[in-house]
Amino acid sequence: MIEPAVPPILTAAWDAYGDHREVVEVREISANVSTNSVYLLVLDDGHAMVAKRSSYGSYVHFRQDHYRIHEWIHRLRGTRYASFLAPVLLKNDEVFTYRDEDEWVVFYGQQPFYDFLPKVLTDAQVESLGQEMGLFHRACLEISDRVKPTWQSLGADVASLHDAIGSSEWRRERGFRDSSIGFVRAHCDAFLGNADALGYHEWTKIPVLIDWNIGNFSVGMDGDGFKFFSRWDYDWFRIEPRMLDLYFCARVVRAEGDQTAFSYTADPRGAPAHEGRAPIPQGSIPVFHPELRPAHRRALLPDRHLPPPTARGGRGILAPSRASRLRAVARGLVSREIPTWLLSR
């Protein structure tokens, strides 16, 4: 059914899914940014499905994430975003995932696409991105109380990093010196303390995708601006405050444009336009609040979040070349003395 070069787990997963159609062609369409692999399965009736193979982190979290993603998509029915997100395939009305030892697979419907943004956005396009993100967040906010939280959380990620940095093997694999332990843990403690002081646990959480780049969503051009058309790629899905999307949109809107070799900056230019569409409530997090810089810095440190020793020995989420570059940036950041204002709360 499937060419030998294709991982056997795809064959087993498709057989377990039980679709009567045959797979006549398989194409790898991975972006090669993460360690996940993505494939287009062309079926004998001319339709196609998308398969994602992963070995990162925890299968339990992977499965739960996709249940929440399906619920999220279901709750957006009747809104402008009813068909924006790539659907997760079901079997017997349940999200279908397949596990074989230390790898797992999920299937998605093939998402259509329209226009893609240029690498460098105009000011009008930056404004459109902020407005569109704000409108999308507002729609998600309205249904957020009907999408259950996940076992994963930002606080759990930071706690895992706090513990992992104490492992000499973990530091060696990621190129951190022994002297970095105190710096990293101070940043973790500062983040957790400041989050508590700012009332993080009371902030409204919504489904967020976090990783926005010009290759994982398409738009429809509208004059000098655009409207969101379709989105795929759930590698960084979380249920957290929507400011996380704003920080990672910086990759798209920065002056030099989205690039293959990238780093995340902390100054998303589209935030003011977003604020006009979905204002962040008083008492929640200000978009440019300086105490969030540790959150931004922490996002670069361990590939993504859970280190391999805590999750069945799974690989990191970023492809090795990308991870090495971001770790180098992070090592430079954590080598600096912790500012006193960061420790003041």
C-alpha atoms as a PDB file:
ATOM      1  CA  MET A   1       0.000   0.000   0.000  1.00  0.00           C
ATOM      2  CA  ILE A   2       2.740   2.450   0.976  1.00  0.00           C
ATOM      3  CA  GLU A   3       6.264   2.750  -0.397  1.00  0.00           C
ATOM      4  CA  PRO A   4       8.991   1.165   1.792  1.00  0.00           C
ATOM      5  CA  ALA A   5      10.643   4.546   2.455  1.00  0.00           C
ATOM      6  CA  VAL A   6       7.570   5.664   4.367  1.00  0.00           C
ATOM      7  CA  PRO A   7       7.700   4.880   8.114  1.00  0.00           C
ATOM      8  CA  PRO A   8       5.831   1.625   8.841  1.00  0.00           C
ATOM      9  CA  ILE A   9       3.882   3.360  11.595  1.00  0.00           C
ATOM     10  CA  LEU A  10       1.944   5.274   8.909  1.00  0.00           C
ATOM     11  CA  THR A  11       0.835   2.038   7.291  1.00  0.00           C
ATOM     12  CA  ALA A  12      -0.177   0.606  10.670  1.00  0.00           C
ATOM     13  CA  ALA A  13      -1.996   3.797  11.666  1.00  0.00           C
ATOM     14  CA  TRP A  14      -3.962   3.998   8.414  1.00  0.00           C
ATOM     15  CA  ASP A  15      -4.931   0.325   8.712  1.00  0.00           C
ATOM     16  CA  ALA A  16      -6.049   0.909  12.311  1.00  0.00           C
ATOM     17  CA  TYR A  17      -8.034   3.952  11.221  1.00  0.00           C
ATOM     18  CA  GLY A  18     -10.073   1.623   9.027  1.00  0.00           C
ATOM     19  CA  ASP A  19     -10.772   3.826   6.019  1.00  0.00           C
ATOM     20  CA  HIS A  20     -11.800   1.725   2.987  1.00  0.00           C
ATOM     21  CA  ARG A  21      -9.812   3.945   0.619  1.00  0.00           C
ATOM     22  CA  GLU A  22      -6.310   2.961  -0.402  1.00  0.00           C
ATOM     23  CA  VAL A  23      -3.290   5.208  -0.039  1.00  0.00           C
ATOM     24  CA  VAL A  24      -1.764   5.477  -3.516  1.00  0.00           C
ATOM     25  CA  GLU A  25       0.941   8.053  -2.834  1.00  0.00           C
ATOM     26  CA  VAL A  26       2.751   9.427   0.192  1.00  0.00           C
ATOM     27  CA  ARG A  27       4.719  12.677   0.162  1.00  0.00           C
ATOM     28  CA  GLU A  28       6.681  14.040   3.084  1.00  0.00           C
ATOM     29  CA  ILE A  29       5.790  17.717   3.527  1.00  0.00           C
ATOM     30  CA  SER A  30       7.639  18.374   6.788  1.00  0.00           C
ATOM     31  CA  ALA A  31       8.850  21.922   7.330  1.00  0.00           C
ATOM     32  CA  ASN A  32      11.992  20.467   8.975  1.00  0.00           C
ATOM     33  CA  VAL A  33      11.760  22.968  11.802  1.00  0.00           C
ATOM     34  CA  SER A  34      10.615  20.475  14.429  1.00  0.00           C
ATOM     35  CA  THR A  35      11.373  16.802  15.009  1.00  0.00           C
ATOM     36  CA  ASN A  36       7.809  15.940  14.010  1.00  0.00           C
ATOM     37  CA  SER A  37       7.295  14.541  10.503  1.00  0.00           C
ATOM     38  CA  VAL A  38       4.304  15.448   8.329  1.00  0.00           C
ATOM     39  CA  TYR A  39       3.060  13.492   5.318  1.00  0.00           C
ATOM     40  CA  LEU A  40       0.429  14.010   2.637  1.00  0.00           C
ATOM     41  CA  LEU A  41      -1.499  10.802   1.980  1.00  0.00           C
ATOM     42  CA  VAL A  42      -3.088  10.771  -1.489  1.00  0.00           C
ATOM     43  CA  LEU A  43      -6.066   8.406  -1.626  1.00  0.00           C
ATOM     44  CA  ASP A  44      -7.434   6.354  -4.492  1.00  0.00           C
ATOM     45  CA  ASP A  45     -10.496   8.599  -4.856  1.00  0.00           C
ATOM     46  CA  GLY A  46      -8.339  11.681  -5.429  1.00  0.00           C
ATOM     47  CA  HIS A  47      -8.760  13.136  -1.952  1.00  0.00           C
ATOM     48  CA  ALA A  48      -5.884  13.557   0.491  1.00  0.00           C
ATOM     49  CA  MET A  49      -5.266  13.467   4.222  1.00  0.00           C
ATOM     50  CA  VAL A  50      -2.371  14.704   6.317  1.00  0.00           C
ATOM     51  CA  ALA A  51      -0.534  12.525   8.840  1.00  0.00           C
ATOM     52  CA  LYS A  52       1.730  13.775  11.631  1.00  0.00           C
ATOM     53  CA  ARG A  53       4.231  11.423  13.246  1.00  0.00           C
ATOM     54  CA  SER A  54       5.742  12.460  16.574  1.00  0.00           C
ATOM     55  CA  SER A  55       7.974  11.048  19.272  1.00  0.00           C
ATOM     56  CA  TYR A  56       8.291  14.237  21.266  1.00  0.00           C
ATOM     57  CA  GLY A  57       7.233  14.492  24.875  1.00  0.00           C
ATOM     58  CA  SER A  58       4.273  12.536  26.180  1.00  0.00           C
ATOM     59  CA  TYR A  59       1.765  10.566  24.136  1.00  0.00           C
ATOM     60  CA  VAL A  60      -0.849  11.284  26.814  1.00  0.00           C
ATOM     61  CA  HIS A  61      -0.363  15.033  26.328  1.00  0.00           C
ATOM     62  CA  PHE A  62      -0.356  14.620  22.530  1.00  0.00           C
ATOM     63  CA  ARG A  63      -3.646  12.735  22.645  1.00  0.00           C
ATOM     64  CA  GLN A  64      -5.270  15.164  25.061  1.00  0.00           C
ATOM     65  CA  ASP A  65      -4.137  18.152  23.009  1.00  0.00           C
ATOM     66  CA  HIS A  66      -5.919  16.757  19.958  1.00  0.00           C
ATOM     67  CA  TYR A  67      -9.112  16.134  21.912  1.00  0.00           C
ATOM     68  CA  ARG A  68      -9.009  19.782  22.984  1.00  0.00           C
ATOM     69  CA  ILE A  69      -8.216  20.957  19.450  1.00  0.00           C
ATOM     70  CA  HIS A  70     -11.226  19.054  18.140  1.00  0.00           C
ATOM     71  CA  GLU A  71     -13.422  20.582  20.839  1.00  0.00           C
ATOM     72  CA  TRP A  72     -12.043  24.024  19.988  1.00  0.00           C
ATOM     73  CA  ILE A  73     -12.894  23.602  16.304  1.00  0.00           C
ATOM     74  CA  HIS A  74     -16.353  22.301  17.204  1.00  0.00           C
ATOM     75  CA  ARG A  75     -17.051  25.327  19.424  1.00  0.00           C
ATOM     76  CA  LEU A  76     -16.028  27.723  16.647  1.00  0.00           C
ATOM     77  CA  ARG A  77     -18.835  26.460  14.407  1.00  0.00           C
ATOM     78  CA  GLY A  78     -21.138  29.282  13.453  1.00  0.00           C
ATOM     79  CA  THR A  79     -18.323  31.833  13.655  1.00  0.00           C
ATOM     80  CA  ARG A  80     -16.148  33.268  10.939  1.00  0.00           C
ATOM     81  CA  TYR A  81     -13.484  30.727  11.963  1.00  0.00           C
ATOM     82  CA  ALA A  82     -15.605  27.584  11.474  1.00  0.00           C
ATOM     83  CA  SER A  83     -13.270  26.281   8.744  1.00  0.00           C
ATOM     84  CA  PHE A  84     -10.096  28.174   9.652  1.00  0.00           C
ATOM     85  CA  LEU A  85      -8.380  25.352  11.559  1.00  0.00           C
ATOM     86  CA  ALA A  86      -7.373  22.006  10.042  1.00  0.00           C
ATOM     87  CA  PRO A  87      -9.781  19.339  11.345  1.00  0.00           C
ATOM     88  CA  VAL A  88      -8.580  16.354  13.367  1.00  0.00           C
ATOM     89  CA  LEU A  89      -9.908  13.069  11.958  1.00  0.00           C
ATOM     90  CA  LEU A  90     -12.309  11.032  14.073  1.00  0.00           C
ATOM     91  CA  LYS A  91     -13.093   7.332  14.345  1.00  0.00           C
ATOM     92  CA  ASN A  92     -16.416   6.366  15.889  1.00  0.00           C
ATOM     93  CA  ASP A  93     -16.912  10.009  16.875  1.00  0.00           C
ATOM     94  CA  GLU A  94     -13.658  10.044  18.855  1.00  0.00           C
ATOM     95  CA  VAL A  95     -10.358  11.700  17.991  1.00  0.00           C
ATOM     96  CA  PHE A  96      -8.166   9.041  16.405  1.00  0.00           C
ATOM     97  CA  THR A  97      -4.525   8.696  17.441  1.00  0.00           C
ATOM     98  CA  TYR A  98      -2.270   5.695  16.968  1.00  0.00           C
ATOM     99  CA  ARG A  99       0.659   4.701  19.146  1.00  0.00           C
ATOM    100  CA  ASP A 100       3.454   2.225  18.457  1.00  0.00           C
ATOM    101  CA  GLU A 101       6.058   2.064  21.208  1.00  0.00           C
ATOM    102  CA  ASP A 102       7.706   5.511  21.317  1.00  0.00           C
ATOM    103  CA  GLU A 103       6.018   7.061  18.261  1.00  0.00           C
ATOM    104  CA  TRP A 104       2.471   8.183  17.585  1.00  0.00           C
ATOM    105  CA  VAL A 105       0.375   9.420  14.686  1.00  0.00           C
ATOM    106  CA  VAL A 106      -2.659  11.628  14.160  1.00  0.00           C
ATOM    107  CA  PHE A 107      -4.526  12.390  10.931  1.00  0.00           C
ATOM    108  CA  TYR A 108      -5.914  15.740   9.755  1.00  0.00           C
ATOM    109  CA  GLY A 109      -8.106  16.813   6.916  1.00  0.00           C
ATOM    110  CA  GLN A 110      -6.129  18.546   4.179  1.00  0.00           C
ATOM    111  CA  GLN A 111      -6.529  22.264   4.718  1.00  0.00           C
ATOM    112  CA  PRO A 112      -6.963  24.507   1.647  1.00  0.00           C
ATOM    113  CA  PHE A 113      -4.769  27.568   1.343  1.00  0.00           C
ATOM    114  CA  TYR A 114      -5.008  30.850  -0.477  1.00  0.00           C
ATOM    115  CA  ASP A 115      -2.392  33.611  -0.324  1.00  0.00           C
ATOM    116  CA  PHE A 116       0.761  33.540   1.780  1.00  0.00           C
ATOM    117  CA  LEU A 117       2.278  36.608   3.390  1.00  0.00           C
ATOM    118  CA  PRO A 118       5.586  37.960   2.084  1.00  0.00           C
ATOM    119  CA  LYS A 119       8.695  37.572   4.218  1.00  0.00           C
ATOM    120  CA  VAL A 120       8.697  41.286   5.028  1.00  0.00           C
ATOM    121  CA  LEU A 121       5.317  42.804   5.856  1.00  0.00           C
ATOM    122  CA  THR A 122       4.225  46.318   5.010  1.00  0.00           C
ATOM    123  CA  ASP A 123       2.939  48.535   7.805  1.00  0.00           C
ATOM    124  CA  ALA A 124      -0.614  47.890   6.578  1.00  0.00           C
ATOM    125  CA  GLN A 125      -0.032  44.130   6.735  1.00  0.00           C
ATOM    126  CA  VAL A 126       1.363  44.390  10.256  1.00  0.00           C
ATOM    127  CA  GLU A 127      -1.796  46.292  11.183  1.00  0.00           C
ATOM    128  CA  SER A 128      -3.917  43.587   9.554  1.00  0.00           C
ATOM    129  CA  LEU A 129      -2.106  40.840  11.456  1.00  0.00           C
ATOM    130  CA  GLY A 130      -2.810  42.568  14.757  1.00  0.00           C
ATOM    131  CA  GLN A 131      -6.458  43.104  13.861  1.00  0.00           C
ATOM    132  CA  GLU A 132      -6.952  39.567  12.601  1.00  0.00           C
ATOM    133  CA  MET A 133      -5.254  38.057  15.620  1.00  0.00           C
ATOM    134  CA  GLY A 134      -7.425  40.198  17.879  1.00  0.00           C
ATOM    135  CA  LEU A 135     -10.624  39.096  16.117  1.00  0.00           C
ATOM    136  CA  PHE A 136      -9.561  35.455  16.259  1.00  0.00           C
ATOM    137  CA  HIS A 137      -8.708  35.751  19.947  1.00  0.00           C
ATOM    138  CA  ARG A 138     -12.058  37.391  20.639  1.00  0.00           C
ATOM    139  CA  ALA A 139     -13.892  34.493  18.975  1.00  0.00           C
ATOM    140  CA  CYS A 140     -11.814  32.024  20.993  1.00  0.00           C
ATOM    141  CA  LEU A 141     -12.434  33.983  24.187  1.00  0.00           C
ATOM    142  CA  GLU A 142     -16.181  33.690  23.702  1.00  0.00           C
ATOM    143  CA  ILE A 143     -16.020  29.871  23.642  1.00  0.00           C
ATOM    144  CA  SER A 144     -13.065  29.374  26.001  1.00  0.00           C
ATOM    145  CA  ASP A 145     -15.207  28.355  28.970  1.00  0.00           C
ATOM    146  CA  ARG A 146     -16.420  25.338  26.932  1.00  0.00           C
ATOM    147  CA  VAL A 147     -12.947  24.030  26.106  1.00  0.00           C
ATOM    148  CA  LYS A 148     -11.472  22.143  29.056  1.00  0.00           C
ATOM    149  CA  PRO A 149      -7.913  22.887  30.210  1.00  0.00           C
ATOM    150  CA  THR A 150      -5.072  20.453  29.607  1.00  0.00           C
ATOM    151  CA  TRP A 151      -2.697  18.785  32.034  1.00  0.00           C
ATOM    152  CA  GLN A 152       0.137  20.774  30.494  1.00  0.00           C
ATOM    153  CA  SER A 153       0.649  24.318  31.706  1.00  0.00           C
ATOM    154  CA  LEU A 154       3.202  27.085  31.459  1.00  0.00           C
ATOM    155  CA  GLY A 155       3.938  26.771  35.161  1.00  0.00           C
ATOM    156  CA  ALA A 156       4.594  23.046  34.808  1.00  0.00           C
ATOM    157  CA  ASP A 157       7.000  23.792  31.954  1.00  0.00           C
ATOM    158  CA  VAL A 158       8.956  26.267  34.045  1.00  0.00           C
ATOM    159  CA  ALA A 159       9.030  23.859  36.979  1.00  0.00           C
ATOM    160  CA  SER A 160      10.352  21.108  34.687  1.00  0.00           C
ATOM    161  CA  LEU A 161      13.104  23.420  33.467  1.00  0.00           C
ATOM    162  CA  HIS A 162      13.979  24.384  37.047  1.00  0.00           C
ATOM    163  CA  ASP A 163      14.512  20.703  37.849  1.00  0.00           C
ATOM    164  CA  ALA A 164      16.120  19.670  34.538  1.00  0.00           C
ATOM    165  CA  ILE A 165      18.899  22.272  34.630  1.00  0.00           C
ATOM    166  CA  GLY A 166      20.281  20.419  37.668  1.00  0.00           C
ATOM    167  CA  SER A 167      21.073  17.373  35.517  1.00  0.00           C
ATOM    168  CA  SER A 168      24.660  17.331  34.229  1.00  0.00           C
ATOM    169  CA  GLU A 169      23.618  15.168  31.276  1.00  0.00           C
ATOM    170  CA  TRP A 170      20.798  17.567  30.358  1.00  0.00           C
ATOM    171  CA  ARG A 171      23.209  20.528  30.472  1.00  0.00           C
ATOM    172  CA  ARG A 172      25.830  18.702  28.446  1.00  0.00           C
ATOM    173  CA  GLU A 173      23.354  17.780  25.705  1.00  0.00           C
ATOM    174  CA  ARG A 174      22.258  21.422  25.393  1.00  0.00           C
ATOM    175  CA  GLY A 175      25.616  23.128  25.790  1.00  0.00           C
ATOM    176  CA  PHE A 176      25.011  24.819  29.151  1.00  0.00           C
ATOM    177  CA  ARG A 177      27.866  25.316  31.592  1.00  0.00           C
ATOM    178  CA  ASP A 178      27.539  24.250  35.205  1.00  0.00           C
ATOM    179  CA  SER A 179      27.600  27.925  36.153  1.00  0.00           C
ATOM    180  CA  SER A 180      24.280  28.435  34.350  1.00  0.00           C
ATOM    181  CA  ILE A 181      22.292  26.531  36.994  1.00  0.00           C
ATOM    182  CA  GLY A 182      21.877  29.500  39.294  1.00  0.00           C
ATOM    183  CA  PHE A 183      20.983  31.899  36.482  1.00  0.00           C
ATOM    184  CA  VAL A 184      18.352  29.644  34.955  1.00  0.00           C
ATOM    185  CA  ARG A 185      16.790  28.783  38.290  1.00  0.00           C
ATOM    186  CA  ALA A 186      16.717  32.450  39.277  1.00  0.00           C
ATOM    187  CA  HIS A 187      14.826  33.251  36.083  1.00  0.00           C
ATOM    188  CA  CYS A 188      12.413  30.377  36.728  1.00  0.00           C
ATOM    189  CA  ASP A 189      11.814  31.499  40.313  1.00  0.00           C
ATOM    190  CA  ALA A 190      11.363  35.112  39.185  1.00  0.00           C
ATOM    191  CA  PHE A 191       8.850  34.085  36.537  1.00  0.00           C
ATOM    192  CA  LEU A 192       6.816  31.921  38.920  1.00  0.00           C
ATOM    193  CA  GLY A 193       6.900  34.536  41.677  1.00  0.00           C
ATOM    194  CA  ASN A 194       5.930  37.389  39.375  1.00  0.00           C
ATOM    195  CA  ALA A 195       3.184  35.313  37.762  1.00  0.00           C
ATOM    196  CA  ASP A 196       1.682  34.671  41.199  1.00  0.00           C
ATOM    197  CA  ALA A 197       1.986  38.353  42.148  1.00  0.00           C
ATOM    198  CA  LEU A 198       0.296  39.450  38.921  1.00  0.00           C
ATOM    199  CA  GLY A 199      -2.608  37.039  39.451  1.00  0.00           C
ATOM    200  CA  TYR A 200      -1.730  34.713  36.571  1.00  0.00           C
ATOM    201  CA  HIS A 201      -3.976  31.908  37.816  1.00  0.00           C
ATOM    202  CA  GLU A 202      -7.025  34.170  37.544  1.00  0.00           C
ATOM    203  CA  TRP A 203      -6.327  35.278  33.969  1.00  0.00           C
ATOM    204  CA  THR A 204      -8.599  33.950  31.271  1.00  0.00           C
ATOM    205  CA  LYS A 205      -7.015  31.107  29.315  1.00  0.00           C
ATOM    206  CA  ILE A 206      -7.929  30.429  25.701  1.00  0.00           C
ATOM    207  CA  PRO A 207      -6.665  27.958  23.096  1.00  0.00           C
ATOM    208  CA  VAL A 208      -3.521  29.420  21.522  1.00  0.00           C
ATOM    209  CA  LEU A 209      -1.238  28.168  18.759  1.00  0.00           C
ATOM    210  CA  ILE A 210       1.828  30.202  19.837  1.00  0.00           C
ATOM    211  CA  ASP A 211       4.008  29.380  16.821  1.00  0.00           C
ATOM    212  CA  TRP A 212       2.939  31.695  14.008  1.00  0.00           C
ATOM    213  CA  ASN A 213       5.135  31.876  10.913  1.00  0.00           C
ATOM    214  CA  ILE A 214       4.394  32.656   7.276  1.00  0.00           C
ATOM    215  CA  GLY A 215       4.463  28.947   6.398  1.00  0.00           C
ATOM    216  CA  ASN A 216       1.719  27.671   8.716  1.00  0.00           C
ATOM    217  CA  PHE A 217      -1.240  29.899   7.844  1.00  0.00           C
ATOM    218  CA  SER A 218      -2.709  31.391   4.699  1.00  0.00           C
ATOM    219  CA  VAL A 219      -4.626  34.601   4.128  1.00  0.00           C
ATOM    220  CA  GLY A 220      -6.888  36.291   1.632  1.00  0.00           C
ATOM    221  CA  MET A 221      -5.496  39.622   0.510  1.00  0.00           C
ATOM    222  CA  ASP A 222      -7.924  42.496   1.041  1.00  0.00           C
ATOM    223  CA  GLY A 223      -6.701  45.813  -0.353  1.00  0.00           C
ATOM    224  CA  ASP A 224      -3.529  46.766   1.475  1.00  0.00           C
ATOM    225  CA  GLY A 225      -4.277  44.256   4.231  1.00  0.00           C
ATOM    226  CA  PHE A 226      -5.592  40.715   4.504  1.00  0.00           C
ATOM    227  CA  LYS A 227      -7.973  38.351   6.295  1.00  0.00           C
ATOM    228  CA  PHE A 228      -7.093  34.996   7.841  1.00  0.00           C
ATOM    229  CA  PHE A 229      -8.049  32.104   5.542  1.00  0.00           C
ATOM    230  CA  SER A 230      -6.643  28.845   6.927  1.00  0.00           C
ATOM    231  CA  ARG A 231      -4.268  27.564   9.587  1.00  0.00           C
ATOM    232  CA  TRP A 232      -2.551  24.240  10.290  1.00  0.00           C
ATOM    233  CA  ASP A 233       0.306  23.031  12.549  1.00  0.00           C
ATOM    234  CA  TYR A 234      -0.611  22.390  16.189  1.00  0.00           C
ATOM    235  CA  ASP A 235       2.884  21.608  17.503  1.00  0.00           C
ATOM    236  CA  TRP A 236       2.765  24.386  20.098  1.00  0.00           C
ATOM    237  CA  PHE A 237      -0.937  24.228  20.996  1.00  0.00           C
ATOM    238  CA  ARG A 238      -1.733  25.290  24.539  1.00  0.00           C
ATOM    239  CA  ILE A 239      -4.554  26.708  26.622  1.00  0.00           C
ATOM    240  CA  GLU A 240      -2.935  29.791  28.099  1.00  0.00           C
ATOM    241  CA  PRO A 241      -3.311  33.609  28.111  1.00  0.00           C
ATOM    242  CA  ARG A 242      -3.414  34.998  24.598  1.00  0.00           C
ATOM    243  CA  MET A 243      -0.344  37.180  25.103  1.00  0.00           C
ATOM    244  CA  LEU A 244       1.732  34.115  24.165  1.00  0.00           C
ATOM    245  CA  ASP A 245       0.497  34.417  20.593  1.00  0.00           C
ATOM    246  CA  LEU A 246       1.478  38.079  20.530  1.00  0.00           C
ATOM    247  CA  TYR A 247       5.066  37.466  21.567  1.00  0.00           C
ATOM    248  CA  PHE A 248       5.633  34.726  19.025  1.00  0.00           C
ATOM    249  CA  CYS A 249       4.027  36.745  16.224  1.00  0.00           C
ATOM    250  CA  ALA A 250       7.161  38.874  16.516  1.00  0.00           C
ATOM    251  CA  ARG A 251       8.801  36.395  14.155  1.00  0.00           C
ATOM    252  CA  VAL A 252       6.372  37.428  11.408  1.00  0.00           C
ATOM    253  CA  VAL A 253       6.302  41.199  11.897  1.00  0.00           C
ATOM    254  CA  ARG A 254       9.913  42.084  12.654  1.00  0.00           C
ATOM    255  CA  ALA A 255      11.633  44.544  10.324  1.00  0.00           C
ATOM    256  CA  GLU A 256      13.940  41.977   8.687  1.00  0.00           C
ATOM    257  CA  GLY A 257      11.000  39.666   8.031  1.00  0.00           C
ATOM    258  CA  ASP A 258      10.352  35.988   8.690  1.00  0.00           C
ATOM    259  CA  GLN A 259      13.440  33.911   7.949  1.00  0.00           C
ATOM    260  CA  THR A 260      14.480  30.267   8.006  1.00  0.00           C
ATOM    261  CA  ALA A 261      17.195  31.071  10.551  1.00  0.00           C
ATOM    262  CA  PHE A 262      15.233  32.952  13.183  1.00  0.00           C
ATOM    263  CA  SER A 263      15.088  34.001  16.787  1.00  0.00           C
ATOM    264  CA  TYR A 264      12.135  35.323  18.742  1.00  0.00           C
ATOM    265  CA  THR A 265      12.289  38.963  19.742  1.00  0.00           C
ATOM    266  CA  ALA A 266      10.157  40.511  22.454  1.00  0.00           C
ATOM    267  CA  ASP A 267       8.589  43.468  20.664  1.00  0.00           C
ATOM    268  CA  PRO A 268       5.568  42.441  18.541  1.00  0.00           C
ATOM    269  CA  ARG A 269       4.720  45.462  16.405  1.00  0.00           C
ATOM    270  CA  GLY A 270       1.178  44.265  15.735  1.00  0.00           C
ATOM    271  CA  ALA A 271       0.115  44.403  19.378  1.00  0.00           C
ATOM    272  CA  PRO A 272      -1.534  47.863  19.275  1.00  0.00           C
ATOM    273  CA  ALA A 273      -3.830  46.778  16.432  1.00  0.00           C
ATOM    274  CA  HIS A 274      -4.677  43.611  18.372  1.00  0.00           C
ATOM    275  CA  GLU A 275      -5.589  45.685  21.415  1.00  0.00           C
ATOM    276  CA  GLY A 276      -8.219  47.491  19.377  1.00  0.00           C
ATOM    277  CA  ARG A 277      -9.973  44.208  18.563  1.00  0.00           C
ATOM    278  CA  ALA A 278      -9.566  42.175  21.745  1.00  0.00           C
ATOM    279  CA  PRO A 279      -8.399  44.416  24.595  1.00  0.00           C
ATOM    280  CA  ILE A 280      -6.511  42.665  27.329  1.00  0.00           C
ATOM    281  CA  PRO A 281      -8.528  43.050  30.555  1.00  0.00           C
ATOM    282  CA  GLN A 282      -7.391  45.349  33.354  1.00  0.00           C
ATOM    283  CA  GLY A 283      -5.381  43.329  35.828  1.00  0.00           C
ATOM    284  CA  SER A 284      -4.283  40.852  33.191  1.00  0.00           C
ATOM    285  CA  ILE A 285      -0.919  41.006  31.544  1.00  0.00           C
ATOM    286  CA  PRO A 286       0.192  44.196  29.808  1.00  0.00           C
ATOM    287  CA  VAL A 287       1.573  43.260  26.395  1.00  0.00           C
ATOM    288  CA  PHE A 288       4.939  44.897  26.993  1.00  0.00           C
ATOM    289  CA  HIS A 289       5.178  44.174  30.712  1.00  0.00           C
ATOM    290  CA  PRO A 290       8.901  43.871  31.519  1.00  0.00           C
ATOM    291  CA  GLU A 291       8.302  41.006  33.904  1.00  0.00           C
ATOM    292  CA  LEU A 292       7.345  38.826  30.950  1.00  0.00           C
ATOM    293  CA  ARG A 293      10.814  38.965  29.467  1.00  0.00           C
ATOM    294  CA  PRO A 294      11.784  35.869  31.535  1.00  0.00           C
ATOM    295  CA  ALA A 295       8.849  34.033  29.922  1.00  0.00           C
ATOM    296  CA  HIS A 296      10.165  34.988  26.500  1.00  0.00           C
ATOM    297  CA  ARG A 297      13.708  34.050  27.486  1.00  0.00           C
ATOM    298  CA  ARG A 298      12.574  30.780  29.005  1.00  0.00           C
ATOM    299  CA  ALA A 299      10.814  29.825  25.775  1.00  0.00           C
ATOM    300  CA  LEU A 300      14.201  29.557  24.049  1.00  0.00           C
ATOM    301  CA  LEU A 301      15.952  27.363  26.566  1.00  0.00           C
ATOM    302  CA  PRO A 302      15.092  23.671  26.319  1.00  0.00           C
ATOM    303  CA  ASP A 303      13.809  23.181  22.732  1.00  0.00           C
ATOM    304  CA  ARG A 304      10.272  23.953  23.821  1.00  0.00           C
ATOM    305  CA  HIS A 305       9.323  22.844  27.299  1.00  0.00           C
ATOM    306  CA  LEU A 306       9.410  19.348  28.818  1.00  0.00           C
ATOM    307  CA  PRO A 307      12.986  18.024  28.739  1.00  0.00           C
ATOM    308  CA  PRO A 308      13.417  14.456  27.436  1.00  0.00           C
ATOM    309  CA  PRO A 309      14.162  12.834  30.839  1.00  0.00           C
ATOM    310  CA  THR A 310      10.697  13.805  32.118  1.00  0.00           C
ATOM    311  CA  ALA A 311       8.711  12.406  29.207  1.00  0.00           C
ATOM    312  CA  ARG A 312       9.625   8.841  28.216  1.00  0.00           C
ATOM    313  CA  GLY A 313      12.930   9.881  26.723  1.00  0.00           C
ATOM    314  CA  GLY A 314      11.269  11.627  23.782  1.00  0.00           C
ATOM    315  CA  ARG A 315      13.268  13.942  21.545  1.00  0.00           C
ATOM    316  CA  GLY A 316      13.110  17.726  21.694  1.00  0.00           C
ATOM    317  CA  ILE A 317      10.515  19.437  19.519  1.00  0.00           C
ATOM    318  CA  LEU A 318      12.870  21.573  17.409  1.00  0.00           C
ATOM    319  CA  ALA A 319      15.029  20.178  14.637  1.00  0.00           C
ATOM    320  CA  PRO A 320      18.658  19.962  15.819  1.00  0.00           C
ATOM    321  CA  SER A 321      19.964  22.869  13.706  1.00  0.00           C
ATOM    322  CA  ARG A 322      17.167  25.191  14.885  1.00  0.00           C
ATOM    323  CA  ALA A 323      17.482  24.080  18.496  1.00  0.00           C
ATOM    324  CA  SER A 324      21.246  24.670  18.543  1.00  0.00           C
ATOM    325  CA  ARG A 325      20.837  28.223  17.290  1.00  0.00           C
ATOM    326  CA  LEU A 326      18.126  29.124  19.801  1.00  0.00           C
ATOM    327  CA  ARG A 327      20.065  27.551  22.644  1.00  0.00           C
ATOM    328  CA  ALA A 328      23.044  29.723  21.740  1.00  0.00           C
ATOM    329  CA  VAL A 329      20.791  32.791  21.967  1.00  0.00           C
ATOM    330  CA  ALA A 330      19.384  31.589  25.278  1.00  0.00           C
ATOM    331  CA  ARG A 331      22.823  30.901  26.740  1.00  0.00           C
ATOM    332  CA  GLY A 332      23.765  34.491  25.981  1.00  0.00           C
ATOM    333  CA  LEU A 333      20.619  35.722  27.696  1.00  0.00           C
ATOM    334  CA  VAL A 334      20.968  33.654  30.864  1.00  0.00           C
ATOM    335  CA  SER A 335      24.647  34.494  31.243  1.00  0.00           C
ATOM    336  CA  ARG A 336      23.704  38.005  32.337  1.00  0.00           C
ATOM    337  CA  GLU A 337      23.086  39.004  35.913  1.00  0.00           C
ATOM    338  CA  ILE A 338      19.409  38.914  36.923  1.00  0.00           C
ATOM    339  CA  PRO A 339      18.145  42.516  37.159  1.00  0.00           C
ATOM    340  CA  THR A 340      17.059  43.540  40.652  1.00  0.00           C
ATOM    341  CA  TRP A 341      13.593  44.577  39.403  1.00  0.00           C
ATOM    342  CA  LEU A 342      13.036  40.984  38.315  1.00  0.00           C
ATOM    343  CA  LEU A 343      13.512  39.713  41.850  1.00  0.00           C
ATOM    344  CA  SER A 344      11.575  42.426  43.607  1.00  0.00           C
ATOM    345  CA  ARG A 345       8.184  40.741  43.829  1.00  0.00           C
END
